[in-house]
Every structure is written in structure tokens, then in C-alpha cells.
Amino acid sequence: MPLPGSHGADGQSLVSTGPPGYGVAPEAIVAALVSDGVRVRGFGVEDASLEERFVSLTGEGFDIAG
């Protein structure tokens, strides 16, 4: 199962980001990884920061310095 936004795979960990409300249950992701033979030692779900949400909506970040 390809994970959209996957990055940071270093042989030990994988970070994947998706849009808010992506709709895939965390347990379904873990089940798919395990069924593909991936050993899962831990799994967590984090909410996007306020800035990440702002950028996803506007396409621009905060530019305080300039």
C-alpha cells in the first residue's frame, strides 16, 4: 500500500503525511505494513502544527522577518 507523502525512510523509521481527514484508519496502515512483511515496532499519529495547516490552505508560510 503506497503511503502518500512518505518521506524520511531510513531503514528504521518512516514518516508519512496526508491531508487532514485523509480517511485511512491508523490500524489499517499498520495491518497493511505487517501483511507486507514490515516489522512495526511503534506507531503514532500526530496532528499538523498550526503553520502546517495554514500552508496547506494558503500555499504560503509565515514570513515574520521580511
Protein backbone atom coordinates (compact mmCIF):
# COMPACT_ATOMS: atom_id res chain seq x y z
CA MET A 1 0.00 0.00 0.00
CA PRO A 2 1.75 3.21 -1.06
CA LEU A 3 1.66 5.91 1.57
CA PRO A 4 1.09 9.40 0.19
CA GLY A 5 3.66 11.92 1.32
CA SER A 6 6.06 9.25 2.58
CA HIS A 7 9.48 10.56 3.45
CA GLY A 8 12.21 10.02 5.99
CA ALA A 9 12.54 6.27 5.45
CA ASP A 10 15.97 5.34 6.80
CA GLY A 11 15.59 1.62 7.41
CA GLN A 12 14.46 2.28 10.96
CA SER A 13 11.57 4.71 10.62
CA LEU A 14 9.10 6.10 8.13
CA VAL A 15 7.23 9.38 8.26
CA SER A 16 4.13 9.82 6.14
CA THR A 17 1.92 12.86 5.92
CA GLY A 18 -1.52 13.15 4.47
CA PRO A 19 -4.12 15.86 4.16
CA PRO A 20 -6.43 16.46 7.13
CA GLY A 21 -9.26 13.96 7.10
CA TYR A 22 -7.35 11.61 4.79
CA GLY A 23 -9.64 8.84 5.93
CA VAL A 24 -7.28 5.91 6.47
CA ALA A 25 -7.54 4.39 9.92
CA PRO A 26 -4.16 4.00 11.65
CA GLU A 27 -4.86 0.33 12.35
CA ALA A 28 -5.42 -0.25 8.62
CA ILE A 29 -2.00 1.26 7.86
CA VAL A 30 -0.31 -0.97 10.45
CA ALA A 31 -2.19 -4.05 9.18
CA ALA A 32 -1.08 -3.31 5.59
CA LEU A 33 2.54 -2.88 6.65
CA VAL A 34 2.51 -6.13 8.64
CA SER A 35 0.84 -8.05 5.81
CA ASP A 36 3.64 -6.85 3.50
CA GLY A 37 6.23 -8.22 5.92
CA VAL A 38 7.23 -4.94 7.55
CA ARG A 39 8.08 -5.24 11.23
CA VAL A 40 6.26 -2.48 13.12
CA ARG A 41 7.81 -1.63 16.48
CA GLY A 42 5.81 1.50 17.12
CA PHE A 43 3.24 3.72 15.51
CA GLY A 44 2.00 7.20 16.30
CA VAL A 45 -0.39 9.76 14.92
CA GLU A 46 0.43 13.45 15.18
CA ASP A 47 -1.68 16.45 14.29
CA ALA A 48 -0.25 19.06 11.97
CA SER A 49 1.00 22.28 13.52
CA LEU A 50 -0.93 25.50 13.01
CA GLU A 51 1.68 26.67 10.49
CA GLU A 52 1.46 23.39 8.54
CA ARG A 53 -2.31 23.75 8.33
CA PHE A 54 -2.00 27.39 7.26
CA VAL A 55 0.45 26.48 4.49
CA SER A 56 -1.80 23.64 3.29
CA LEU A 57 -4.68 26.11 2.95
CA THR A 58 -2.86 29.13 1.56
CA GLY A 59 0.29 27.72 -0.03
CA GLU A 60 2.34 30.30 1.87
CA GLY A 61 4.19 30.20 5.17
CA PHE A 62 4.61 32.86 7.80
CA ASP A 63 7.30 35.39 6.88
CA ILE A 64 7.84 37.34 10.07
CA ALA A 65 11.36 38.60 9.21
CA GLY A 66 10.67 40.26 5.98
